[in-house]
Amino acid sequence: MKRFYGSLFSVIVILAVSVNPVFAAPKNNGSAQKTVTASAVVVPAQVSELGFMISGIARDIPVKEGDTVKAGQTLIVLNTPDLQFRVTAAQAALHSAQANADLQKYNRVEAHRKGQVFFDRVPEVYQQQADAKVQQAQVALEIAQFYLAQGMLTAPFDGTVASVSVLPGEFVSSDQAVITLATLNALQVETTDLMEHDITKIKVGAPVDISIKALNKNFTGKVTGISPMANTVGGDVVFKVTIAFDKQPENLLWGMTAEVAIGE
C-alpha cells in the first residue's frame, strides 16, 4: 500500500510540473552579428608608376621625393633637341604658308579689255590652294608639338611624389618607370588573405572595424570594392576587398598592416 501511494504521489508531481513548469528557459529573439576577419595593408587610394613613351636623356627634374604636386605639373623633361628643331621648322613653314595666303588676297593680274588695262584679282583657285597649304602646315606643326610633348612627363592627378628613380643626365628608356605618384592624403585598406569561402558573405557598403597595429588603435570604415578576380597566395585562393576609412586617421602610413572585421 505504501508503494502504491508513493507511486501515485510521483505521478501527480510529474503532471503538476508539466502543466505549470517552475523553470522556463528565456527565448532569444535576436542573433549575434556575424563578421569575416582578415589581414590587410594600408595603401593609397590612387597610385601610378609613370614613364615616357619615348627614350632620351633626363634634362630637368624639378621635383623630389615627398613633394606634393598638382595635376598637369611638370615632373621630368627629356633633352630632345631634334624634336624641338622639328617644332621650330614647322612654325616657320606655317608662317610662310600664312604669308602666301594673305598675299593672294591682294595679288592682282594685269588684264586688257576694250583697249584698257585692268588689274583683276587672281582666280579663286589660287586662294584655295594657298589656304590648303596653311591647313597642312598647321597640322604638321601640331604633330611636331605632340611629339615634343612626349619628352615632358606631367602629373596625371594631384598627389605626392613617392619615388624618383632617375637623375639628371641619365638615359631614360621608353619602358622605364621613373616616378611613382600616390595620393598619400587619401589612404585606404586592402585585404591580403581573405579566403574564397568568405567572399560571398561580403557586400559593398558593409561596415568594417579596422585595427592598425602600428598605431595600436581601432577605426571604422566601409567596404568600397570587391575584386572580381582571385589571386593565389601560398597555394590559397584569396580575394582583395577594398575598405575606406570613415575618417582618415592621423599618422597613418603606406604599408602599415591591419586586421579587419567585416560585417556580413
C-alpha atoms as a PDB file:
ATOM      1  CA  MET A   1       0.000   0.000   0.000  1.00  0.00           C
ATOM      2  CA  LYS A   2       2.850   2.450   0.822  1.00  0.00           C
ATOM      3  CA  ARG A   3       4.410   1.610  -2.518  1.00  0.00           C
ATOM      4  CA  PHE A   4       1.097   2.412  -4.250  1.00  0.00           C
ATOM      5  CA  TYR A   5       0.711   5.819  -2.591  1.00  0.00           C
ATOM      6  CA  GLY A   6       4.363   6.620  -3.256  1.00  0.00           C
ATOM      7  CA  SER A   7       3.993   5.898  -6.967  1.00  0.00           C
ATOM      8  CA  LEU A   8       0.758   7.868  -7.104  1.00  0.00           C
ATOM      9  CA  PHE A   9       2.435  10.883  -5.492  1.00  0.00           C
ATOM     10  CA  SER A  10       5.285  10.770  -8.024  1.00  0.00           C
ATOM     11  CA  VAL A  11       2.862  10.713 -10.958  1.00  0.00           C
ATOM     12  CA  ILE A  12       0.942  13.703  -9.503  1.00  0.00           C
ATOM     13  CA  VAL A  13       4.185  15.720  -9.092  1.00  0.00           C
ATOM     14  CA  ILE A  14       5.279  14.990 -12.694  1.00  0.00           C
ATOM     15  CA  LEU A  15       1.864  16.065 -14.035  1.00  0.00           C
ATOM     16  CA  ALA A  16       1.934  19.257 -11.991  1.00  0.00           C
ATOM     17  CA  VAL A  17       5.392  20.217 -13.296  1.00  0.00           C
ATOM     18  CA  SER A  18       4.316  19.505 -16.859  1.00  0.00           C
ATOM     19  CA  VAL A  19       1.195  21.686 -16.616  1.00  0.00           C
ATOM     20  CA  ASN A  20       2.799  24.530 -14.611  1.00  0.00           C
ATOM     21  CA  PRO A  21       6.577  24.323 -15.067  1.00  0.00           C
ATOM     22  CA  VAL A  22       8.595  26.090 -12.395  1.00  0.00           C
ATOM     23  CA  PHE A  23      11.600  26.911 -14.649  1.00  0.00           C
ATOM     24  CA  ALA A  24      11.461  28.113 -18.294  1.00  0.00           C
ATOM     25  CA  ALA A  25      14.489  28.936 -20.498  1.00  0.00           C
ATOM     26  CA  PRO A  26      14.389  32.552 -21.815  1.00  0.00           C
ATOM     27  CA  LYS A  27      13.595  32.827 -25.522  1.00  0.00           C
ATOM     28  CA  ASN A  28      16.244  34.656 -27.526  1.00  0.00           C
ATOM     29  CA  ASN A  29      14.668  36.525 -30.451  1.00  0.00           C
ATOM     30  CA  GLY A  30      17.946  38.180 -31.581  1.00  0.00           C
ATOM     31  CA  SER A  31      21.031  36.737 -33.220  1.00  0.00           C
ATOM     32  CA  ALA A  32      24.708  37.611 -32.848  1.00  0.00           C
ATOM     33  CA  GLN A  33      26.126  39.709 -35.689  1.00  0.00           C
ATOM     34  CA  LYS A  34      28.448  37.685 -37.893  1.00  0.00           C
ATOM     35  CA  THR A  35      31.774  39.051 -39.146  1.00  0.00           C
ATOM     36  CA  VAL A  36      34.511  37.989 -41.527  1.00  0.00           C
ATOM     37  CA  THR A  37      38.050  38.655 -40.355  1.00  0.00           C
ATOM     38  CA  ALA A  38      41.149  39.106 -42.498  1.00  0.00           C
ATOM     39  CA  SER A  39      44.607  40.630 -42.568  1.00  0.00           C
ATOM     40  CA  ALA A  40      45.094  43.822 -44.579  1.00  0.00           C
ATOM     41  CA  VAL A  41      47.574  46.510 -45.586  1.00  0.00           C
ATOM     42  CA  VAL A  42      47.308  50.308 -45.879  1.00  0.00           C
ATOM     43  CA  VAL A  43      47.628  51.584 -49.476  1.00  0.00           C
ATOM     44  CA  PRO A  44      46.958  54.852 -51.315  1.00  0.00           C
ATOM     45  CA  ALA A  45      43.559  55.279 -52.927  1.00  0.00           C
ATOM     46  CA  GLN A  46      45.386  56.079 -56.173  1.00  0.00           C
ATOM     47  CA  VAL A  47      48.949  55.225 -57.199  1.00  0.00           C
ATOM     48  CA  SER A  48      50.668  55.293 -60.602  1.00  0.00           C
ATOM     49  CA  GLU A  49      54.127  54.404 -61.880  1.00  0.00           C
ATOM     50  CA  LEU A  50      54.888  56.943 -64.599  1.00  0.00           C
ATOM     51  CA  GLY A  51      57.230  56.773 -67.573  1.00  0.00           C
ATOM     52  CA  PHE A  52      57.833  58.124 -71.071  1.00  0.00           C
ATOM     53  CA  MET A  53      56.613  56.935 -74.467  1.00  0.00           C
ATOM     54  CA  ILE A  54      59.990  57.856 -75.960  1.00  0.00           C
ATOM     55  CA  SER A  55      63.620  57.424 -74.902  1.00  0.00           C
ATOM     56  CA  GLY A  56      66.077  60.197 -74.096  1.00  0.00           C
ATOM     57  CA  ILE A  57      68.384  61.871 -71.603  1.00  0.00           C
ATOM     58  CA  ALA A  58      66.778  63.344 -68.491  1.00  0.00           C
ATOM     59  CA  ARG A  59      67.435  67.095 -68.636  1.00  0.00           C
ATOM     60  CA  ASP A  60      65.358  68.650 -65.847  1.00  0.00           C
ATOM     61  CA  ILE A  61      63.775  67.026 -62.767  1.00  0.00           C
ATOM     62  CA  PRO A  62      62.073  69.863 -60.855  1.00  0.00           C
ATOM     63  CA  VAL A  63      60.542  67.559 -58.191  1.00  0.00           C
ATOM     64  CA  LYS A  64      61.888  65.261 -55.492  1.00  0.00           C
ATOM     65  CA  GLU A  65      60.544  62.514 -53.254  1.00  0.00           C
ATOM     66  CA  GLY A  66      57.931  63.819 -50.832  1.00  0.00           C
ATOM     67  CA  ASP A  67      56.874  66.799 -52.959  1.00  0.00           C
ATOM     68  CA  THR A  68      53.158  67.457 -53.328  1.00  0.00           C
ATOM     69  CA  VAL A  69      52.202  68.170 -56.936  1.00  0.00           C
ATOM     70  CA  LYS A  70      49.101  69.241 -58.851  1.00  0.00           C
ATOM     71  CA  ALA A  71      47.638  67.597 -61.933  1.00  0.00           C
ATOM     72  CA  GLY A  72      49.473  68.867 -65.029  1.00  0.00           C
ATOM     73  CA  GLN A  73      52.612  69.901 -63.126  1.00  0.00           C
ATOM     74  CA  THR A  74      55.926  69.072 -64.838  1.00  0.00           C
ATOM     75  CA  LEU A  75      57.825  66.172 -63.256  1.00  0.00           C
ATOM     76  CA  ILE A  76      60.667  65.386 -65.693  1.00  0.00           C
ATOM     77  CA  VAL A  77      61.817  66.894 -69.012  1.00  0.00           C
ATOM     78  CA  LEU A  78      63.936  64.960 -71.504  1.00  0.00           C
ATOM     79  CA  ASN A  79      66.623  66.539 -73.661  1.00  0.00           C
ATOM     80  CA  THR A  80      65.075  66.356 -77.156  1.00  0.00           C
ATOM     81  CA  PRO A  81      66.795  68.920 -79.437  1.00  0.00           C
ATOM     82  CA  ASP A  82      65.707  67.101 -82.598  1.00  0.00           C
ATOM     83  CA  LEU A  83      62.039  67.315 -81.603  1.00  0.00           C
ATOM     84  CA  GLN A  84      62.437  70.991 -80.721  1.00  0.00           C
ATOM     85  CA  PHE A  85      64.012  71.631 -84.134  1.00  0.00           C
ATOM     86  CA  ARG A  86      61.041  69.986 -85.839  1.00  0.00           C
ATOM     87  CA  VAL A  87      58.673  72.307 -83.987  1.00  0.00           C
ATOM     88  CA  THR A  88      60.737  75.360 -84.955  1.00  0.00           C
ATOM     89  CA  ALA A  89      60.814  74.265 -88.610  1.00  0.00           C
ATOM     90  CA  ALA A  90      57.073  73.584 -88.595  1.00  0.00           C
ATOM     91  CA  GLN A  91      56.385  77.032 -87.116  1.00  0.00           C
ATOM     92  CA  ALA A  92      58.467  78.665 -89.852  1.00  0.00           C
ATOM     93  CA  ALA A  93      56.630  76.683 -92.549  1.00  0.00           C
ATOM     94  CA  LEU A  94      53.295  77.750 -91.136  1.00  0.00           C
ATOM     95  CA  HIS A  95      54.293  81.436 -91.089  1.00  0.00           C
ATOM     96  CA  SER A  96      55.427  81.168 -94.721  1.00  0.00           C
ATOM     97  CA  ALA A  97      52.211  79.475 -95.816  1.00  0.00           C
ATOM     98  CA  GLN A  98      50.105  82.045 -93.976  1.00  0.00           C
ATOM     99  CA  ALA A  99      52.016  84.937 -95.582  1.00  0.00           C
ATOM    100  CA  ASN A 100      51.447  83.445 -99.017  1.00  0.00           C
ATOM    101  CA  ALA A 101      47.746  83.008 -98.331  1.00  0.00           C
ATOM    102  CA  ASP A 102      47.480  86.625 -97.180  1.00  0.00           C
ATOM    103  CA  LEU A 103      49.316  87.751-100.291  1.00  0.00           C
ATOM    104  CA  GLN A 104      46.789  86.004-102.529  1.00  0.00           C
ATOM    105  CA  LYS A 105      44.042  88.213-101.073  1.00  0.00           C
ATOM    106  CA  TYR A 106      45.722  91.317-102.515  1.00  0.00           C
ATOM    107  CA  ASN A 107      47.524  89.848-105.526  1.00  0.00           C
ATOM    108  CA  ARG A 108      46.395  91.194-108.911  1.00  0.00           C
ATOM    109  CA  VAL A 109      46.948  90.177-112.511  1.00  0.00           C
ATOM    110  CA  GLU A 110      47.037  92.530-115.469  1.00  0.00           C
ATOM    111  CA  ALA A 111      44.124  92.195-117.932  1.00  0.00           C
ATOM    112  CA  HIS A 112      43.257  94.072-121.154  1.00  0.00           C
ATOM    113  CA  ARG A 113      39.669  94.679-122.099  1.00  0.00           C
ATOM    114  CA  LYS A 114      38.416  97.021-124.876  1.00  0.00           C
ATOM    115  CA  GLY A 115      41.766  98.665-125.169  1.00  0.00           C
ATOM    116  CA  GLN A 116      42.038  99.365-121.459  1.00  0.00           C
ATOM    117  CA  VAL A 117      44.257  97.839-118.787  1.00  0.00           C
ATOM    118  CA  PHE A 118      42.649  96.320-115.670  1.00  0.00           C
ATOM    119  CA  PHE A 119      44.163  94.704-112.593  1.00  0.00           C
ATOM    120  CA  ASP A 120      41.942  91.814-111.576  1.00  0.00           C
ATOM    121  CA  ARG A 121      42.162  89.559-108.539  1.00  0.00           C
ATOM    122  CA  VAL A 122      43.828  86.240-109.139  1.00  0.00           C
ATOM    123  CA  PRO A 123      41.468  83.306-109.792  1.00  0.00           C
ATOM    124  CA  GLU A 124      39.782  81.863-106.669  1.00  0.00           C
ATOM    125  CA  VAL A 125      41.543  78.557-107.134  1.00  0.00           C
ATOM    126  CA  TYR A 126      44.873  80.196-106.216  1.00  0.00           C
ATOM    127  CA  GLN A 127      43.419  81.385-102.894  1.00  0.00           C
ATOM    128  CA  GLN A 128      42.003  77.942-102.184  1.00  0.00           C
ATOM    129  CA  GLN A 129      45.362  76.311-102.868  1.00  0.00           C
ATOM    130  CA  ALA A 130      47.130  78.779-100.573  1.00  0.00           C
ATOM    131  CA  ASP A 131      44.595  78.186 -97.763  1.00  0.00           C
ATOM    132  CA  ALA A 132      45.035  74.415 -98.144  1.00  0.00           C
ATOM    133  CA  LYS A 133      48.788  74.787 -97.663  1.00  0.00           C
ATOM    134  CA  VAL A 134      48.131  76.772 -94.464  1.00  0.00           C
ATOM    135  CA  GLN A 135      45.974  73.938 -93.127  1.00  0.00           C
ATOM    136  CA  GLN A 136      48.631  71.375 -93.994  1.00  0.00           C
ATOM    137  CA  ALA A 137      51.321  73.436 -92.245  1.00  0.00           C
ATOM    138  CA  GLN A 138      49.092  73.799 -89.170  1.00  0.00           C
ATOM    139  CA  VAL A 139      48.610  70.021 -88.961  1.00  0.00           C
ATOM    140  CA  ALA A 140      52.366  69.461 -89.363  1.00  0.00           C
ATOM    141  CA  LEU A 141      53.035  71.883 -86.501  1.00  0.00           C
ATOM    142  CA  GLU A 142      50.519  70.160 -84.225  1.00  0.00           C
ATOM    143  CA  ILE A 143      52.124  66.793 -84.937  1.00  0.00           C
ATOM    144  CA  ALA A 144      55.595  68.174 -84.171  1.00  0.00           C
ATOM    145  CA  GLN A 145      54.306  69.713 -80.936  1.00  0.00           C
ATOM    146  CA  PHE A 146      52.683  66.408 -79.970  1.00  0.00           C
ATOM    147  CA  TYR A 147      55.976  64.531 -80.311  1.00  0.00           C
ATOM    148  CA  LEU A 148      57.817  67.262 -78.414  1.00  0.00           C
ATOM    149  CA  ALA A 149      55.290  66.935 -75.583  1.00  0.00           C
ATOM    150  CA  GLN A 150      56.219  63.247 -75.253  1.00  0.00           C
ATOM    151  CA  GLY A 151      59.522  64.443 -73.844  1.00  0.00           C
ATOM    152  CA  MET A 152      57.788  66.085 -70.862  1.00  0.00           C
ATOM    153  CA  LEU A 153      56.296  63.986 -68.050  1.00  0.00           C
ATOM    154  CA  THR A 154      53.450  65.669 -66.145  1.00  0.00           C
ATOM    155  CA  ALA A 155      51.363  64.629 -63.139  1.00  0.00           C
ATOM    156  CA  PRO A 156      48.076  62.956 -64.163  1.00  0.00           C
ATOM    157  CA  PHE A 157      46.435  63.782 -60.814  1.00  0.00           C
ATOM    158  CA  ASP A 158      47.048  65.658 -57.553  1.00  0.00           C
ATOM    159  CA  GLY A 159      49.350  63.607 -55.336  1.00  0.00           C
ATOM    160  CA  THR A 160      52.690  63.089 -53.628  1.00  0.00           C
ATOM    161  CA  VAL A 161      55.913  62.021 -55.348  1.00  0.00           C
ATOM    162  CA  ALA A 162      56.642  58.723 -53.622  1.00  0.00           C
ATOM    163  CA  SER A 163      59.829  57.904 -55.552  1.00  0.00           C
ATOM    164  CA  VAL A 164      62.100  59.222 -58.319  1.00  0.00           C
ATOM    165  CA  SER A 165      64.294  56.573 -59.948  1.00  0.00           C
ATOM    166  CA  VAL A 166      66.359  58.712 -62.354  1.00  0.00           C
ATOM    167  CA  LEU A 167      68.883  61.562 -62.089  1.00  0.00           C
ATOM    168  CA  PRO A 168      69.543  64.464 -64.476  1.00  0.00           C
ATOM    169  CA  GLY A 169      71.842  63.322 -67.268  1.00  0.00           C
ATOM    170  CA  GLU A 170      70.803  59.679 -67.095  1.00  0.00           C
ATOM    171  CA  PHE A 171      69.322  57.840 -70.070  1.00  0.00           C
ATOM    172  CA  VAL A 172      65.630  57.012 -69.794  1.00  0.00           C
ATOM    173  CA  SER A 173      64.127  54.237 -71.912  1.00  0.00           C
ATOM    174  CA  SER A 174      60.563  54.234 -73.131  1.00  0.00           C
ATOM    175  CA  ASP A 175      59.608  51.188 -70.996  1.00  0.00           C
ATOM    176  CA  GLN A 176      61.087  52.502 -67.737  1.00  0.00           C
ATOM    177  CA  ALA A 177      59.034  53.663 -64.729  1.00  0.00           C
ATOM    178  CA  VAL A 178      60.781  56.796 -63.436  1.00  0.00           C
ATOM    179  CA  ILE A 179      58.329  58.316 -60.934  1.00  0.00           C
ATOM    180  CA  THR A 180      55.774  56.839 -58.530  1.00  0.00           C
ATOM    181  CA  LEU A 181      52.907  59.213 -57.740  1.00  0.00           C
ATOM    182  CA  ALA A 182      50.392  58.444 -54.983  1.00  0.00           C
ATOM    183  CA  THR A 183      47.551  60.080 -53.051  1.00  0.00           C
ATOM    184  CA  LEU A 184      49.084  59.784 -49.589  1.00  0.00           C
ATOM    185  CA  ASN A 185      46.430  62.093 -48.120  1.00  0.00           C
ATOM    186  CA  ALA A 186      43.750  59.532 -49.063  1.00  0.00           C
ATOM    187  CA  LEU A 187      44.828  56.121 -47.740  1.00  0.00           C
ATOM    188  CA  GLN A 188      42.667  53.023 -47.608  1.00  0.00           C
ATOM    189  CA  VAL A 189      42.921  49.356 -46.625  1.00  0.00           C
ATOM    190  CA  GLU A 190      43.136  46.259 -48.832  1.00  0.00           C
ATOM    191  CA  THR A 191      42.771  42.703 -47.551  1.00  0.00           C
ATOM    192  CA  THR A 192      45.600  40.250 -48.235  1.00  0.00           C
ATOM    193  CA  ASP A 193      44.288  36.826 -47.147  1.00  0.00           C
ATOM    194  CA  LEU A 194      40.504  36.856 -47.423  1.00  0.00           C
ATOM    195  CA  MET A 195      39.581  33.311 -48.439  1.00  0.00           C
ATOM    196  CA  GLU A 196      37.228  32.389 -51.281  1.00  0.00           C
ATOM    197  CA  HIS A 197      34.668  30.741 -48.968  1.00  0.00           C
ATOM    198  CA  ASP A 198      34.225  34.104 -47.172  1.00  0.00           C
ATOM    199  CA  ILE A 199      33.987  36.438 -50.177  1.00  0.00           C
ATOM    200  CA  THR A 200      30.333  35.595 -50.862  1.00  0.00           C
ATOM    201  CA  LYS A 201      29.428  36.850 -47.377  1.00  0.00           C
ATOM    202  CA  ILE A 202      30.728  40.374 -48.057  1.00  0.00           C
ATOM    203  CA  LYS A 203      28.809  43.217 -49.720  1.00  0.00           C
ATOM    204  CA  VAL A 204      29.851  46.704 -50.836  1.00  0.00           C
ATOM    205  CA  GLY A 205      28.854  49.175 -48.122  1.00  0.00           C
ATOM    206  CA  ALA A 206      29.261  46.690 -45.272  1.00  0.00           C
ATOM    207  CA  PRO A 207      30.626  48.192 -42.014  1.00  0.00           C
ATOM    208  CA  VAL A 208      34.195  47.336 -41.026  1.00  0.00           C
ATOM    209  CA  ASP A 209      36.183  47.517 -37.793  1.00  0.00           C
ATOM    210  CA  ILE A 210      39.843  48.261 -38.599  1.00  0.00           C
ATOM    211  CA  SER A 211      42.707  47.643 -36.179  1.00  0.00           C
ATOM    212  CA  ILE A 212      46.008  49.331 -37.153  1.00  0.00           C
ATOM    213  CA  LYS A 213      48.810  47.510 -35.360  1.00  0.00           C
ATOM    214  CA  ALA A 214      51.435  50.255 -35.579  1.00  0.00           C
ATOM    215  CA  LEU A 215      49.067  52.882 -34.164  1.00  0.00           C
ATOM    216  CA  ASN A 216      47.531  50.479 -31.631  1.00  0.00           C
ATOM    217  CA  LYS A 217      44.114  51.976 -32.438  1.00  0.00           C
ATOM    218  CA  ASN A 218      40.820  50.857 -33.911  1.00  0.00           C
ATOM    219  CA  PHE A 219      38.918  52.705 -36.628  1.00  0.00           C
ATOM    220  CA  THR A 220      35.725  52.250 -38.588  1.00  0.00           C
ATOM    221  CA  GLY A 221      35.178  52.089 -42.311  1.00  0.00           C
ATOM    222  CA  LYS A 222      33.100  50.632 -45.130  1.00  0.00           C
ATOM    223  CA  VAL A 223      33.687  48.188 -47.967  1.00  0.00           C
ATOM    224  CA  THR A 224      34.058  50.188 -51.202  1.00  0.00           C
ATOM    225  CA  GLY A 225      35.207  47.499 -53.617  1.00  0.00           C
ATOM    226  CA  ILE A 226      35.447  43.741 -54.126  1.00  0.00           C
ATOM    227  CA  SER A 227      37.880  42.390 -56.686  1.00  0.00           C
ATOM    228  CA  PRO A 228      36.126  40.316 -59.370  1.00  0.00           C
ATOM    229  CA  MET A 229      39.294  38.238 -59.850  1.00  0.00           C
ATOM    230  CA  ALA A 230      41.048  35.993 -57.368  1.00  0.00           C
ATOM    231  CA  ASN A 231      44.754  35.820 -56.563  1.00  0.00           C
ATOM    232  CA  THR A 232      46.746  32.807 -55.412  1.00  0.00           C
ATOM    233  CA  VAL A 233      48.860  33.347 -52.292  1.00  0.00           C
ATOM    234  CA  GLY A 234      50.803  30.414 -50.893  1.00  0.00           C
ATOM    235  CA  GLY A 235      48.505  27.996 -52.703  1.00  0.00           C
ATOM    236  CA  ASP A 236      45.363  29.620 -51.276  1.00  0.00           C
ATOM    237  CA  VAL A 237      42.758  31.391 -53.397  1.00  0.00           C
ATOM    238  CA  VAL A 238      42.146  34.862 -51.957  1.00  0.00           C
ATOM    239  CA  PHE A 239      40.158  37.937 -52.993  1.00  0.00           C
ATOM    240  CA  LYS A 240      41.069  41.589 -52.468  1.00  0.00           C
ATOM    241  CA  VAL A 241      38.487  43.722 -50.671  1.00  0.00           C
ATOM    242  CA  THR A 242      38.996  47.496 -50.545  1.00  0.00           C
ATOM    243  CA  ILE A 243      37.935  49.415 -47.434  1.00  0.00           C
ATOM    244  CA  ALA A 244      37.705  53.191 -46.975  1.00  0.00           C
ATOM    245  CA  PHE A 245      38.053  54.850 -43.573  1.00  0.00           C
ATOM    246  CA  ASP A 246      35.055  56.777 -42.270  1.00  0.00           C
ATOM    247  CA  LYS A 247      37.593  59.378 -41.163  1.00  0.00           C
ATOM    248  CA  GLN A 248      41.225  59.471 -42.319  1.00  0.00           C
ATOM    249  CA  PRO A 249      43.429  58.589 -39.283  1.00  0.00           C
ATOM    250  CA  GLU A 250      46.400  60.724 -38.312  1.00  0.00           C
ATOM    251  CA  ASN A 251      49.948  59.342 -38.600  1.00  0.00           C
ATOM    252  CA  LEU A 252      48.770  56.632 -40.990  1.00  0.00           C
ATOM    253  CA  LEU A 253      51.471  55.488 -43.449  1.00  0.00           C
ATOM    254  CA  TRP A 254      51.518  53.496 -46.661  1.00  0.00           C
ATOM    255  CA  GLY A 255      52.389  49.850 -45.917  1.00  0.00           C
ATOM    256  CA  MET A 256      51.153  49.636 -42.328  1.00  0.00           C
ATOM    257  CA  THR A 257      49.461  46.326 -41.528  1.00  0.00           C
ATOM    258  CA  ALA A 258      45.953  45.932 -40.186  1.00  0.00           C
ATOM    259  CA  GLU A 259      43.333  43.431 -39.086  1.00  0.00           C
ATOM    260  CA  VAL A 260      39.755  43.931 -40.247  1.00  0.00           C
ATOM    261  CA  ALA A 261      36.399  42.546 -39.128  1.00  0.00           C
ATOM    262  CA  ILE A 262      33.835  42.945 -41.913  1.00  0.00           C
ATOM    263  CA  GLY A 263      30.149  42.804 -41.042  1.00  0.00           C
ATOM    264  CA  GLU A 264      28.018  40.466 -43.141  1.00  0.00           C
END
